[in-house]
Amino acid sequence: MKKDFVYLASASPRRSELLRQIGVRFTVRAAAIPEECLPGETPDNYVVRLAAAKAEAVWAAVPGAAPVLGADTAVVLDGEILGKPESGAEALRMLERLSGRSHRVLTAVAVRHDGGTETRLSVSEVRFRATTAAERLAYCATGEPFDKAGGYGIQGHAAVFIEELDGSYSGVAGLPLYETAALLARCGVDFWLTARAQA
């Protein structure tokens, strides 16, 4: 059965922009869930669990009204998840650690629908060029690092730091569109709807 819109279980403006890019109609209904890692939990399992939990939390509030899309992103360096920095000092420390090195970006996407919850995981490798202390300070002054995993946004000013990307650009930005479209198609949600309506 075709569905003409989804709930997006995220207040992230970047995820909204990416969903608009593929022409999906959606309503934002953010889910607030604890984001602590469980004991012994791997970063891969962590992001998949959170994406599914977000989708299921919204589904519980609006059961059956429409499929619910949840997502979660983690920046992983040396096996450690780098979350959203809570201060300028923490952002600077993260950026210094990323300088001249490669790290993984994991973004899980989950869709809750009548048949249950399905998930996909996007794994990308990102390499930062070496950055200077002055550059890192100037980047923090833009305010961009503070709501982003790992303290940077590939779609923003930090693009000048990205030397190499092996994986999904949209996944690093917060919503892997290949995986998202595949999951939505499986539960009857079409994409390019808004583009066709405007044609």
N, C-alpha and C. Protein backbone atom coordinates (compact mmCIF):
# COMPACT_ATOMS: atom_id res chain seq x y z
N MET A 1 0.84 -1.20 0.00
CA MET A 1 0.00 0.00 0.00
C MET A 1 0.88 1.25 0.00
N LYS A 2 0.60 2.14 -0.94
CA LYS A 2 1.41 3.34 -1.06
C LYS A 2 1.18 4.32 0.09
N LYS A 3 2.24 4.94 0.53
CA LYS A 3 2.17 5.97 1.56
C LYS A 3 2.70 7.26 0.94
N ASP A 4 1.99 8.38 1.18
CA ASP A 4 2.41 9.61 0.52
C ASP A 4 3.24 10.53 1.40
N PHE A 5 3.51 10.11 2.65
CA PHE A 5 4.42 10.90 3.48
C PHE A 5 4.97 10.02 4.59
N VAL A 6 6.01 10.51 5.25
CA VAL A 6 6.60 9.81 6.39
C VAL A 6 6.77 10.81 7.53
N TYR A 7 6.92 10.27 8.73
CA TYR A 7 7.36 11.08 9.86
C TYR A 7 8.88 10.97 9.93
N LEU A 8 9.53 12.11 10.12
CA LEU A 8 10.98 12.13 10.32
C LEU A 8 11.24 12.32 11.80
N ALA A 9 11.82 11.29 12.42
CA ALA A 9 12.04 11.31 13.87
C ALA A 9 13.35 12.02 14.20
N SER A 10 13.50 13.23 13.69
CA SER A 10 14.73 14.00 13.89
C SER A 10 14.45 15.48 13.66
N ALA A 11 15.03 16.32 14.51
CA ALA A 11 14.90 17.76 14.33
C ALA A 11 16.07 18.33 13.53
N SER A 12 16.95 17.47 13.04
CA SER A 12 18.13 17.93 12.30
C SER A 12 17.74 18.62 10.99
N PRO A 13 18.13 19.88 10.81
CA PRO A 13 17.83 20.56 9.53
C PRO A 13 18.54 19.90 8.36
N ARG A 14 19.69 19.29 8.61
CA ARG A 14 20.42 18.62 7.53
C ARG A 14 19.65 17.40 7.03
N ARG A 15 19.07 16.64 7.95
CA ARG A 15 18.29 15.47 7.51
C ARG A 15 17.04 15.91 6.75
N SER A 16 16.42 16.98 7.19
CA SER A 16 15.27 17.51 6.45
C SER A 16 15.67 17.92 5.04
N GLU A 17 16.80 18.60 4.91
CA GLU A 17 17.27 19.03 3.58
C GLU A 17 17.54 17.83 2.68
N LEU A 18 18.16 16.79 3.24
CA LEU A 18 18.48 15.62 2.44
C LEU A 18 17.22 14.87 2.02
N LEU A 19 16.24 14.79 2.90
CA LEU A 19 14.99 14.12 2.53
C LEU A 19 14.25 14.91 1.45
N ARG A 20 14.30 16.24 1.54
CA ARG A 20 13.71 17.07 0.48
C ARG A 20 14.42 16.83 -0.85
N GLN A 21 15.72 16.59 -0.78
CA GLN A 21 16.51 16.39 -2.01
C GLN A 21 15.97 15.25 -2.86
N ILE A 22 15.44 14.21 -2.21
CA ILE A 22 14.91 13.08 -2.99
C ILE A 22 13.39 13.13 -3.09
N GLY A 23 12.82 14.28 -2.75
CA GLY A 23 11.41 14.51 -3.02
C GLY A 23 10.43 13.73 -2.17
N VAL A 24 10.81 13.42 -0.93
CA VAL A 24 9.91 12.72 -0.02
C VAL A 24 9.12 13.73 0.81
N ARG A 25 7.81 13.55 0.88
CA ARG A 25 7.00 14.39 1.75
C ARG A 25 7.13 13.88 3.18
N PHE A 26 7.32 14.79 4.12
CA PHE A 26 7.53 14.34 5.50
C PHE A 26 7.05 15.39 6.49
N THR A 27 6.80 14.93 7.69
CA THR A 27 6.48 15.78 8.83
C THR A 27 7.51 15.49 9.92
N VAL A 28 8.12 16.52 10.46
CA VAL A 28 9.11 16.33 11.53
C VAL A 28 8.39 16.05 12.84
N ARG A 29 8.80 14.98 13.49
CA ARG A 29 8.30 14.64 14.82
C ARG A 29 9.50 14.07 15.59
N ALA A 30 10.29 14.94 16.16
CA ALA A 30 11.55 14.53 16.78
C ALA A 30 11.30 13.61 17.98
N ALA A 31 12.24 12.68 18.15
CA ALA A 31 12.18 11.75 19.27
C ALA A 31 13.33 12.03 20.22
N ALA A 32 13.01 12.19 21.49
CA ALA A 32 14.05 12.40 22.50
C ALA A 32 14.30 11.09 23.23
N ILE A 33 15.45 10.49 22.96
CA ILE A 33 15.80 9.23 23.63
C ILE A 33 17.21 9.35 24.19
N PRO A 34 17.54 8.60 25.23
CA PRO A 34 18.91 8.63 25.78
C PRO A 34 19.92 8.17 24.73
N GLU A 35 21.06 8.85 24.68
CA GLU A 35 22.05 8.52 23.65
C GLU A 35 23.34 7.97 24.23
N GLU A 36 23.26 7.37 25.42
CA GLU A 36 24.45 6.77 26.01
C GLU A 36 24.72 5.40 25.39
N CYS A 37 26.01 5.09 25.25
CA CYS A 37 26.44 3.78 24.77
C CYS A 37 26.20 2.76 25.88
N LEU A 38 25.73 1.57 25.51
CA LEU A 38 25.57 0.50 26.49
C LEU A 38 26.91 -0.18 26.74
N PRO A 39 27.10 -0.79 27.89
CA PRO A 39 28.37 -1.48 28.18
C PRO A 39 28.70 -2.53 27.11
N GLY A 40 29.91 -2.41 26.55
CA GLY A 40 30.35 -3.38 25.54
C GLY A 40 29.76 -3.19 24.15
N GLU A 41 28.96 -2.16 23.98
CA GLU A 41 28.30 -1.94 22.68
C GLU A 41 29.28 -1.37 21.67
N THR A 42 29.32 -1.92 20.46
CA THR A 42 30.18 -1.40 19.41
C THR A 42 29.56 -0.14 18.81
N PRO A 43 30.37 0.74 18.21
CA PRO A 43 29.80 1.93 17.56
C PRO A 43 28.75 1.59 16.50
N ASP A 44 29.00 0.51 15.73
CA ASP A 44 28.04 0.11 14.69
C ASP A 44 26.69 -0.24 15.31
N ASN A 45 26.73 -1.06 16.35
CA ASN A 45 25.47 -1.45 17.01
C ASN A 45 24.80 -0.26 17.69
N TYR A 46 25.60 0.64 18.20
CA TYR A 46 25.09 1.83 18.88
C TYR A 46 24.23 2.68 17.94
N VAL A 47 24.76 3.00 16.75
CA VAL A 47 23.99 3.87 15.85
C VAL A 47 22.75 3.17 15.31
N VAL A 48 22.85 1.87 15.05
CA VAL A 48 21.68 1.12 14.58
C VAL A 48 20.61 1.09 15.66
N ARG A 49 21.01 0.84 16.90
CA ARG A 49 20.04 0.80 18.01
C ARG A 49 19.34 2.16 18.18
N LEU A 50 20.12 3.26 18.13
CA LEU A 50 19.51 4.57 18.32
C LEU A 50 18.58 4.95 17.18
N ALA A 51 18.98 4.66 15.95
CA ALA A 51 18.11 4.97 14.81
C ALA A 51 16.79 4.24 14.94
N ALA A 52 16.85 2.95 15.30
CA ALA A 52 15.63 2.16 15.46
C ALA A 52 14.80 2.67 16.63
N ALA A 53 15.45 3.03 17.73
CA ALA A 53 14.73 3.52 18.91
C ALA A 53 13.99 4.82 18.61
N LYS A 54 14.62 5.71 17.84
CA LYS A 54 13.96 6.96 17.46
C LYS A 54 12.71 6.69 16.63
N ALA A 55 12.85 5.81 15.63
CA ALA A 55 11.71 5.48 14.78
C ALA A 55 10.59 4.83 15.58
N GLU A 56 10.95 3.93 16.48
CA GLU A 56 9.93 3.22 17.27
C GLU A 56 9.25 4.14 18.27
N ALA A 57 10.00 5.12 18.82
CA ALA A 57 9.40 6.05 19.77
C ALA A 57 8.30 6.89 19.11
N VAL A 58 8.55 7.36 17.91
CA VAL A 58 7.54 8.16 17.21
C VAL A 58 6.39 7.28 16.75
N TRP A 59 6.71 6.07 16.29
CA TRP A 59 5.65 5.14 15.87
C TRP A 59 4.68 4.87 17.01
N ALA A 60 5.19 4.77 18.22
CA ALA A 60 4.33 4.51 19.39
C ALA A 60 3.35 5.65 19.62
N ALA A 61 3.74 6.86 19.20
CA ALA A 61 2.87 8.03 19.39
C ALA A 61 1.84 8.17 18.27
N VAL A 62 2.19 7.68 17.06
CA VAL A 62 1.28 7.81 15.91
C VAL A 62 1.20 6.46 15.17
N PRO A 63 0.76 5.40 15.84
CA PRO A 63 0.82 4.06 15.25
C PRO A 63 0.02 3.95 13.96
N GLY A 64 0.71 3.56 12.90
CA GLY A 64 0.05 3.29 11.63
C GLY A 64 -0.29 4.48 10.79
N ALA A 65 -0.08 5.69 11.29
CA ALA A 65 -0.45 6.88 10.51
C ALA A 65 0.41 6.99 9.25
N ALA A 66 1.67 6.67 9.39
CA ALA A 66 2.62 6.71 8.27
C ALA A 66 3.90 6.06 8.76
N PRO A 67 4.75 5.60 7.84
CA PRO A 67 6.04 5.08 8.27
C PRO A 67 6.85 6.16 8.98
N VAL A 68 7.74 5.73 9.86
CA VAL A 68 8.58 6.66 10.61
C VAL A 68 10.03 6.38 10.28
N LEU A 69 10.75 7.44 9.94
CA LEU A 69 12.16 7.35 9.58
C LEU A 69 13.02 7.90 10.72
N GLY A 70 13.94 7.09 11.20
CA GLY A 70 14.89 7.53 12.22
C GLY A 70 16.31 7.37 11.73
N ALA A 71 17.23 8.16 12.25
CA ALA A 71 18.63 8.06 11.84
C ALA A 71 19.53 8.47 12.99
N ASP A 72 20.75 7.98 12.97
CA ASP A 72 21.73 8.39 13.96
C ASP A 72 23.12 8.32 13.32
N THR A 73 23.96 9.28 13.68
CA THR A 73 25.31 9.37 13.10
C THR A 73 26.35 9.39 14.21
N ALA A 74 27.46 8.70 13.97
CA ALA A 74 28.58 8.72 14.92
C ALA A 74 29.88 8.87 14.15
N VAL A 75 30.76 9.70 14.67
CA VAL A 75 32.13 9.82 14.18
C VAL A 75 33.00 8.96 15.10
N VAL A 76 33.78 8.08 14.50
CA VAL A 76 34.55 7.12 15.29
C VAL A 76 36.04 7.25 14.96
N LEU A 77 36.84 7.51 15.99
CA LEU A 77 38.28 7.63 15.84
C LEU A 77 38.95 6.74 16.89
N ASP A 78 39.83 5.88 16.43
CA ASP A 78 40.51 4.95 17.34
C ASP A 78 39.52 4.14 18.18
N GLY A 79 38.39 3.78 17.57
CA GLY A 79 37.39 2.98 18.26
C GLY A 79 36.51 3.77 19.21
N GLU A 80 36.73 5.07 19.34
CA GLU A 80 35.98 5.92 20.27
C GLU A 80 34.98 6.78 19.51
N ILE A 81 33.75 6.84 20.02
CA ILE A 81 32.73 7.70 19.42
C ILE A 81 32.96 9.14 19.86
N LEU A 82 33.09 10.02 18.87
CA LEU A 82 33.20 11.45 19.16
C LEU A 82 31.81 12.06 18.98
N GLY A 83 31.21 12.46 20.08
CA GLY A 83 29.86 13.00 20.02
C GLY A 83 29.84 14.47 19.65
N LYS A 84 28.77 15.14 20.02
CA LYS A 84 28.66 16.58 19.76
C LYS A 84 29.40 17.32 20.87
N PRO A 85 30.34 18.19 20.52
CA PRO A 85 31.09 18.90 21.56
C PRO A 85 30.19 19.82 22.37
N GLU A 86 30.45 19.86 23.67
CA GLU A 86 29.63 20.69 24.56
C GLU A 86 30.28 22.03 24.87
N SER A 87 31.50 22.24 24.39
CA SER A 87 32.19 23.50 24.64
C SER A 87 33.17 23.75 23.51
N GLY A 88 33.65 24.99 23.43
CA GLY A 88 34.66 25.32 22.43
C GLY A 88 35.93 24.52 22.64
N ALA A 89 36.32 24.33 23.89
CA ALA A 89 37.54 23.58 24.19
C ALA A 89 37.42 22.14 23.72
N GLU A 90 36.25 21.55 23.93
CA GLU A 90 36.05 20.16 23.49
C GLU A 90 36.06 20.07 21.97
N ALA A 91 35.44 21.04 21.30
CA ALA A 91 35.45 21.05 19.84
C ALA A 91 36.87 21.16 19.30
N LEU A 92 37.67 22.02 19.90
CA LEU A 92 39.06 22.18 19.46
C LEU A 92 39.85 20.89 19.66
N ARG A 93 39.61 20.19 20.78
CA ARG A 93 40.30 18.93 21.02
C ARG A 93 39.92 17.88 19.97
N MET A 94 38.65 17.82 19.63
CA MET A 94 38.21 16.87 18.61
C MET A 94 38.86 17.17 17.26
N LEU A 95 38.83 18.44 16.88
CA LEU A 95 39.39 18.83 15.58
C LEU A 95 40.89 18.57 15.53
N GLU A 96 41.58 18.77 16.65
CA GLU A 96 43.01 18.49 16.69
C GLU A 96 43.27 17.00 16.52
N ARG A 97 42.43 16.17 17.14
CA ARG A 97 42.59 14.72 17.00
C ARG A 97 42.32 14.25 15.58
N LEU A 98 41.38 14.90 14.89
CA LEU A 98 41.04 14.51 13.53
C LEU A 98 42.07 14.98 12.50
N SER A 99 42.84 16.00 12.86
CA SER A 99 43.79 16.63 11.93
C SER A 99 44.78 15.62 11.35
N GLY A 100 44.85 15.57 10.02
CA GLY A 100 45.83 14.72 9.33
C GLY A 100 45.56 13.24 9.44
N ARG A 101 44.36 12.85 9.83
CA ARG A 101 44.05 11.44 10.05
C ARG A 101 42.73 11.05 9.39
N SER A 102 42.54 9.74 9.27
CA SER A 102 41.28 9.19 8.77
C SER A 102 40.42 8.74 9.94
N HIS A 103 39.12 8.85 9.78
CA HIS A 103 38.18 8.35 10.77
C HIS A 103 36.98 7.77 10.06
N ARG A 104 36.16 7.03 10.79
CA ARG A 104 34.95 6.45 10.22
C ARG A 104 33.74 7.29 10.61
N VAL A 105 32.80 7.39 9.69
CA VAL A 105 31.51 8.00 9.99
C VAL A 105 30.44 6.94 9.75
N LEU A 106 29.69 6.64 10.80
CA LEU A 106 28.63 5.64 10.73
C LEU A 106 27.29 6.35 10.80
N THR A 107 26.43 6.09 9.83
CA THR A 107 25.07 6.60 9.92
C THR A 107 24.11 5.45 9.68
N ALA A 108 23.29 5.18 10.69
CA ALA A 108 22.25 4.16 10.56
C ALA A 108 20.94 4.84 10.26
N VAL A 109 20.13 4.19 9.44
CA VAL A 109 18.79 4.67 9.14
C VAL A 109 17.83 3.54 9.43
N ALA A 110 16.70 3.88 10.01
CA ALA A 110 15.69 2.88 10.36
C ALA A 110 14.32 3.37 9.91
N VAL A 111 13.49 2.45 9.44
CA VAL A 111 12.11 2.78 9.10
C VAL A 111 11.20 1.83 9.85
N ARG A 112 10.28 2.41 10.61
CA ARG A 112 9.25 1.63 11.31
C ARG A 112 7.96 1.74 10.53
N HIS A 113 7.38 0.59 10.19
CA HIS A 113 6.14 0.57 9.42
C HIS A 113 5.28 -0.58 9.92
N ASP A 114 4.18 -0.84 9.24
CA ASP A 114 3.25 -1.87 9.70
C ASP A 114 3.90 -3.23 9.88
N GLY A 115 4.91 -3.51 9.08
CA GLY A 115 5.56 -4.83 9.13
C GLY A 115 6.69 -4.94 10.13
N GLY A 116 7.01 -3.85 10.84
CA GLY A 116 8.11 -3.89 11.80
C GLY A 116 9.12 -2.80 11.53
N THR A 117 10.33 -2.99 12.04
CA THR A 117 11.40 -2.00 11.87
C THR A 117 12.53 -2.60 11.05
N GLU A 118 12.95 -1.88 10.02
CA GLU A 118 14.08 -2.30 9.19
C GLU A 118 15.18 -1.26 9.30
N THR A 119 16.42 -1.72 9.25
CA THR A 119 17.55 -0.80 9.39
C THR A 119 18.59 -1.05 8.31
N ARG A 120 19.35 -0.02 8.02
CA ARG A 120 20.52 -0.11 7.15
C ARG A 120 21.63 0.73 7.79
N LEU A 121 22.87 0.36 7.52
CA LEU A 121 24.02 1.08 8.06
C LEU A 121 24.93 1.54 6.93
N SER A 122 25.26 2.82 6.92
CA SER A 122 26.21 3.40 5.97
C SER A 122 27.52 3.65 6.70
N VAL A 123 28.61 3.14 6.13
CA VAL A 123 29.94 3.30 6.73
C VAL A 123 30.84 4.04 5.74
N SER A 124 31.39 5.16 6.16
CA SER A 124 32.27 5.96 5.30
C SER A 124 33.60 6.21 6.00
N GLU A 125 34.63 6.37 5.20
CA GLU A 125 35.96 6.71 5.70
C GLU A 125 36.27 8.13 5.24
N VAL A 126 36.60 8.98 6.19
CA VAL A 126 36.88 10.39 5.88
C VAL A 126 38.30 10.72 6.33
N ARG A 127 39.04 11.38 5.46
CA ARG A 127 40.38 11.81 5.83
C ARG A 127 40.45 13.32 5.89
N PHE A 128 40.89 13.83 7.03
CA PHE A 128 41.15 15.26 7.20
C PHE A 128 42.57 15.57 6.75
N ARG A 129 42.75 16.70 6.08
CA ARG A 129 44.11 17.18 5.88
C ARG A 129 44.62 17.71 7.21
N ALA A 130 45.93 17.93 7.29
CA ALA A 130 46.48 18.53 8.51
C ALA A 130 45.94 19.96 8.64
N THR A 131 45.48 20.29 9.81
CA THR A 131 44.95 21.64 10.06
C THR A 131 45.81 22.35 11.09
N THR A 132 45.80 23.66 11.04
CA THR A 132 46.57 24.43 12.01
C THR A 132 45.69 24.84 13.18
N ALA A 133 46.32 25.21 14.27
CA ALA A 133 45.57 25.67 15.44
C ALA A 133 44.72 26.89 15.10
N ALA A 134 45.27 27.77 14.26
CA ALA A 134 44.53 28.98 13.88
C ALA A 134 43.29 28.63 13.06
N GLU A 135 43.43 27.65 12.17
CA GLU A 135 42.28 27.23 11.36
C GLU A 135 41.20 26.60 12.24
N ARG A 136 41.62 25.78 13.17
CA ARG A 136 40.65 25.13 14.05
C ARG A 136 39.90 26.15 14.90
N LEU A 137 40.64 27.15 15.37
CA LEU A 137 40.03 28.20 16.17
C LEU A 137 39.04 29.01 15.34
N ALA A 138 39.44 29.34 14.11
CA ALA A 138 38.55 30.10 13.23
C ALA A 138 37.30 29.31 12.89
N TYR A 139 37.45 28.00 12.70
CA TYR A 139 36.29 27.16 12.40
C TYR A 139 35.34 27.12 13.60
N CYS A 140 35.87 26.96 14.79
CA CYS A 140 35.02 26.96 15.99
C CYS A 140 34.28 28.29 16.14
N ALA A 141 34.91 29.38 15.73
CA ALA A 141 34.29 30.70 15.85
C ALA A 141 33.05 30.84 14.97
N THR A 142 32.92 29.97 13.94
CA THR A 142 31.72 30.02 13.10
C THR A 142 30.50 29.46 13.83
N GLY A 143 30.72 28.72 14.92
CA GLY A 143 29.63 28.10 15.66
C GLY A 143 29.16 26.79 15.07
N GLU A 144 29.73 26.40 13.95
CA GLU A 144 29.25 25.21 13.24
C GLU A 144 29.47 23.89 13.99
N PRO A 145 30.56 23.72 14.75
CA PRO A 145 30.84 22.40 15.33
C PRO A 145 29.86 21.92 16.38
N PHE A 146 29.07 22.81 16.98
CA PHE A 146 28.45 22.48 18.26
C PHE A 146 27.22 21.59 18.21
N ASP A 147 26.62 21.40 17.04
CA ASP A 147 25.49 20.47 16.98
C ASP A 147 25.78 19.31 16.04
N LYS A 148 27.07 19.00 15.89
CA LYS A 148 27.47 17.99 14.92
C LYS A 148 28.38 16.94 15.54
N ALA A 149 28.10 15.68 15.22
CA ALA A 149 28.95 14.59 15.68
C ALA A 149 30.37 14.81 15.21
N GLY A 150 31.33 14.65 16.12
CA GLY A 150 32.73 14.84 15.76
C GLY A 150 33.16 16.28 15.67
N GLY A 151 32.20 17.22 15.85
CA GLY A 151 32.55 18.63 15.84
C GLY A 151 32.76 19.24 14.48
N TYR A 152 32.21 18.62 13.42
CA TYR A 152 32.34 19.24 12.09
C TYR A 152 31.18 18.82 11.20
N GLY A 153 30.92 19.64 10.17
CA GLY A 153 29.90 19.33 9.18
C GLY A 153 30.52 19.33 7.80
N ILE A 154 30.44 18.18 7.12
CA ILE A 154 31.05 18.07 5.78
C ILE A 154 30.35 18.99 4.79
N GLN A 155 29.07 19.30 5.04
CA GLN A 155 28.30 20.12 4.11
C GLN A 155 28.46 21.61 4.40
N GLY A 156 29.28 21.95 5.40
CA GLY A 156 29.46 23.34 5.77
C GLY A 156 30.89 23.81 5.57
N HIS A 157 31.35 24.69 6.46
CA HIS A 157 32.69 25.27 6.34
C HIS A 157 33.80 24.24 6.42
N ALA A 158 33.56 23.13 7.12
CA ALA A 158 34.60 22.11 7.29
C ALA A 158 34.92 21.36 6.01
N ALA A 159 34.17 21.61 4.95
CA ALA A 159 34.48 20.96 3.66
C ALA A 159 35.92 21.22 3.24
N VAL A 160 36.49 22.34 3.65
CA VAL A 160 37.87 22.66 3.25
C VAL A 160 38.89 21.76 3.95
N PHE A 161 38.46 21.06 5.01
CA PHE A 161 39.36 20.16 5.72
C PHE A 161 39.36 18.74 5.15
N ILE A 162 38.36 18.41 4.32
CA ILE A 162 38.17 17.03 3.88
C ILE A 162 39.07 16.74 2.67
N GLU A 163 40.08 15.94 2.91
CA GLU A 163 41.03 15.59 1.86
C GLU A 163 40.52 14.44 1.00
N GLU A 164 39.82 13.50 1.64
CA GLU A 164 39.37 12.32 0.91
C GLU A 164 38.13 11.75 1.59
N LEU A 165 37.22 11.22 0.77
CA LEU A 165 36.02 10.57 1.27
C LEU A 165 35.83 9.26 0.52
N ASP A 166 35.76 8.19 1.26
CA ASP A 166 35.46 6.87 0.69
C ASP A 166 34.15 6.41 1.31
N GLY A 167 33.06 6.56 0.56
CA GLY A 167 31.76 6.18 1.11
C GLY A 167 30.67 7.12 0.63
N SER A 168 29.75 7.45 1.52
CA SER A 168 28.55 8.20 1.17
C SER A 168 28.63 9.62 1.70
N TYR A 169 28.60 10.60 0.80
CA TYR A 169 28.59 11.99 1.22
C TYR A 169 27.34 12.28 2.05
N SER A 170 26.17 11.82 1.57
CA SER A 170 24.94 12.09 2.31
C SER A 170 24.94 11.36 3.65
N GLY A 171 25.60 10.20 3.70
CA GLY A 171 25.72 9.49 4.97
C GLY A 171 26.53 10.27 5.98
N VAL A 172 27.63 10.87 5.54
CA VAL A 172 28.45 11.69 6.43
C VAL A 172 27.68 12.94 6.86
N ALA A 173 26.85 13.47 5.96
CA ALA A 173 26.06 14.65 6.29
C ALA A 173 24.91 14.34 7.24
N GLY A 174 24.55 13.04 7.38
CA GLY A 174 23.55 12.68 8.38
C GLY A 174 22.40 11.80 7.93
N LEU A 175 22.24 11.58 6.61
CA LEU A 175 21.16 10.71 6.13
C LEU A 175 21.58 10.07 4.81
N PRO A 176 22.02 8.81 4.83
CA PRO A 176 22.48 8.16 3.60
C PRO A 176 21.30 7.92 2.65
N LEU A 177 21.29 8.61 1.53
CA LEU A 177 20.10 8.63 0.68
C LEU A 177 19.87 7.32 -0.06
N TYR A 178 20.93 6.62 -0.43
CA TYR A 178 20.75 5.31 -1.09
C TYR A 178 20.01 4.36 -0.15
N GLU A 179 20.51 4.23 1.07
CA GLU A 179 19.90 3.33 2.04
C GLU A 179 18.49 3.79 2.44
N THR A 180 18.33 5.11 2.57
CA THR A 180 17.02 5.66 2.94
C THR A 180 15.97 5.35 1.87
N ALA A 181 16.32 5.61 0.61
CA ALA A 181 15.38 5.35 -0.48
C ALA A 181 15.02 3.87 -0.58
N ALA A 182 16.01 3.00 -0.36
CA ALA A 182 15.75 1.56 -0.42
C ALA A 182 14.77 1.14 0.66
N LEU A 183 14.95 1.64 1.87
CA LEU A 183 14.03 1.28 2.95
C LEU A 183 12.63 1.85 2.72
N LEU A 184 12.56 3.09 2.27
CA LEU A 184 11.25 3.70 2.04
C LEU A 184 10.49 2.98 0.92
N ALA A 185 11.20 2.58 -0.11
CA ALA A 185 10.57 1.87 -1.22
C ALA A 185 9.97 0.54 -0.74
N ARG A 186 10.64 -0.10 0.21
CA ARG A 186 10.17 -1.40 0.71
C ARG A 186 8.85 -1.29 1.47
N CYS A 187 8.54 -0.11 2.00
CA CYS A 187 7.28 0.02 2.73
C CYS A 187 6.29 0.94 1.99
N GLY A 188 6.51 1.10 0.67
CA GLY A 188 5.52 1.78 -0.16
C GLY A 188 5.60 3.29 -0.22
N VAL A 189 6.72 3.87 0.24
CA VAL A 189 6.89 5.32 0.15
C VAL A 189 7.66 5.64 -1.12
N ASP A 190 7.07 6.46 -1.96
CA ASP A 190 7.72 6.85 -3.20
C ASP A 190 8.62 8.05 -2.92
N PHE A 191 9.61 8.25 -3.79
CA PHE A 191 10.40 9.47 -3.72
C PHE A 191 10.27 10.21 -5.04
N TRP A 192 10.82 11.42 -5.09
CA TRP A 192 10.65 12.35 -6.20
C TRP A 192 9.22 12.85 -6.32
N LEU A 193 8.40 12.64 -5.29
CA LEU A 193 7.00 13.06 -5.35
C LEU A 193 6.89 14.57 -5.51
N THR A 194 7.65 15.32 -4.70
CA THR A 194 7.53 16.78 -4.76
C THR A 194 8.08 17.30 -6.08
N ALA A 195 9.10 16.65 -6.62
CA ALA A 195 9.66 17.09 -7.91
C ALA A 195 8.65 16.89 -9.02
N ARG A 196 7.95 15.74 -9.00
CA ARG A 196 6.95 15.48 -10.04
C ARG A 196 5.76 16.42 -9.92
N ALA A 197 5.40 16.77 -8.69
CA ALA A 197 4.26 17.67 -8.48
C ALA A 197 4.54 19.07 -9.03
N GLN A 198 5.82 19.44 -9.04
CA GLN A 198 6.18 20.77 -9.51
C GLN A 198 6.43 20.82 -11.02
N ALA A 199 6.54 19.64 -11.65
CA ALA A 199 6.87 19.58 -13.07
C ALA A 199 5.69 20.03 -13.93
